[in-house]
Amino acid sequence: MLQYKIDIIKELARIGFNTTTAKKTGIFSQETMRKFKVGDTTISLDSLNRLCCILEMQPRDIIKYIETDSDKENIISRINGKVISNPEKS
């Protein structure tokens, strides 16, 4: 699961970028700004690229990956061709 490491809206506000600026410039859609506000990481790579440019950060400064049981069960097990059991659930 991906999570933001920083408060995107707060960081954008720090440099004077807000929803009005996003709308005027067309850099981010209102939907993308909403996603930033609620912590939804399902943004496009293009939006991530723009965010990195504006904030002068690398993707690793903005997002992090946290492995979840769901990841293990739904993703990794498909690669391995088997279901991975969770010892905590046993």
Protein backbone atom coordinates (compact mmCIF):
# COMPACT_ATOMS: atom_id res chain seq x y z
CA MET A 1 0.00 0.00 0.00
CA LEU A 2 1.30 3.44 -0.83
CA GLN A 3 1.01 6.31 1.65
CA TYR A 4 2.08 9.91 1.54
CA LYS A 5 5.05 10.67 3.77
CA ILE A 6 4.13 14.36 3.87
CA ASP A 7 0.96 16.43 4.00
CA ILE A 8 0.74 17.35 0.31
CA ILE A 9 -1.73 20.21 0.77
CA LYS A 10 0.39 21.72 3.55
CA GLU A 11 3.56 21.46 1.45
CA LEU A 12 1.84 23.03 -1.55
CA ALA A 13 0.49 25.84 0.67
CA ARG A 14 4.01 26.43 1.98
CA ILE A 15 5.07 27.49 -1.50
CA GLY A 16 1.85 29.44 -2.17
CA PHE A 17 0.10 26.79 -4.27
CA ASN A 18 -3.57 26.14 -3.54
CA THR A 19 -6.75 24.91 -5.24
CA THR A 20 -7.26 28.26 -6.95
CA THR A 21 -3.72 28.16 -8.33
CA ALA A 22 -4.24 24.59 -9.49
CA LYS A 23 -7.42 25.59 -11.31
CA LYS A 24 -5.89 28.71 -12.91
CA THR A 25 -2.73 26.96 -14.08
CA GLY A 26 -4.26 23.58 -14.91
CA ILE A 27 -1.29 21.88 -13.25
CA PHE A 28 -3.53 19.65 -11.14
CA SER A 29 -7.20 18.88 -11.63
CA GLN A 30 -9.65 19.49 -8.81
CA GLU A 31 -9.96 15.71 -8.48
CA THR A 32 -6.20 15.37 -7.98
CA MET A 33 -6.24 18.16 -5.40
CA ARG A 34 -9.08 16.34 -3.63
CA LYS A 35 -7.00 13.17 -3.61
CA PHE A 36 -4.09 15.06 -2.07
CA LYS A 37 -6.42 16.42 0.60
CA VAL A 38 -7.80 13.03 1.61
CA GLY A 39 -4.51 11.15 1.28
CA ASP A 40 -5.56 9.13 -1.77
CA THR A 41 -2.39 7.97 -3.55
CA THR A 42 -4.14 6.81 -6.73
CA ILE A 43 -2.72 9.67 -8.76
CA SER A 44 -1.10 9.40 -12.18
CA LEU A 45 2.64 9.30 -12.66
CA ASP A 46 2.24 12.58 -14.54
CA SER A 47 0.71 14.15 -11.41
CA LEU A 48 3.51 12.71 -9.28
CA ASN A 49 6.05 14.14 -11.74
CA ARG A 50 4.43 17.58 -11.50
CA LEU A 51 4.32 17.34 -7.71
CA CYS A 52 8.02 16.45 -7.58
CA CYS A 53 8.83 19.41 -9.83
CA ILE A 54 6.76 21.91 -7.84
CA LEU A 55 7.97 20.74 -4.42
CA GLU A 56 11.54 20.07 -5.62
CA MET A 57 11.41 16.58 -4.14
CA GLN A 58 12.01 13.01 -5.27
CA PRO A 59 9.13 10.48 -5.29
CA ARG A 60 10.73 8.75 -2.26
CA ASP A 61 10.37 12.05 -0.35
CA ILE A 62 6.64 12.09 -1.05
CA ILE A 63 5.39 8.50 -0.93
CA LYS A 64 6.30 5.29 0.83
CA TYR A 65 5.33 1.67 0.46
CA ILE A 66 3.99 -0.22 3.46
CA GLU A 67 3.43 -3.93 2.95
CA THR A 68 0.04 -5.15 4.11
CA ASP A 69 -1.47 -8.60 4.52
CA SER A 70 -3.63 -7.79 1.53
CA ASP A 71 -0.51 -7.17 -0.57
CA LYS A 72 0.92 -10.52 0.47
CA GLU A 73 -2.29 -12.37 -0.24
CA ASN A 74 -3.36 -10.63 -3.44
CA ILE A 75 -0.09 -9.74 -5.15
CA ILE A 76 2.87 -11.73 -3.93
CA SER A 77 0.98 -15.02 -3.86
CA ARG A 78 0.08 -14.57 -7.53
CA ILE A 79 3.75 -14.18 -8.42
CA ASN A 80 4.72 -17.25 -6.44
CA GLY A 81 1.70 -19.20 -7.66
CA LYS A 82 0.64 -20.03 -4.13
CA VAL A 83 -1.25 -18.51 -1.25
CA ILE A 84 0.98 -17.15 1.49
CA SER A 85 -0.36 -17.93 4.92
CA ASN A 86 -0.31 -15.26 7.56
CA PRO A 87 1.08 -16.66 10.84
CA GLU A 88 -0.85 -14.01 12.80
CA LYS A 89 -4.14 -15.34 11.44
CA SER A 90 -3.33 -19.01 12.20
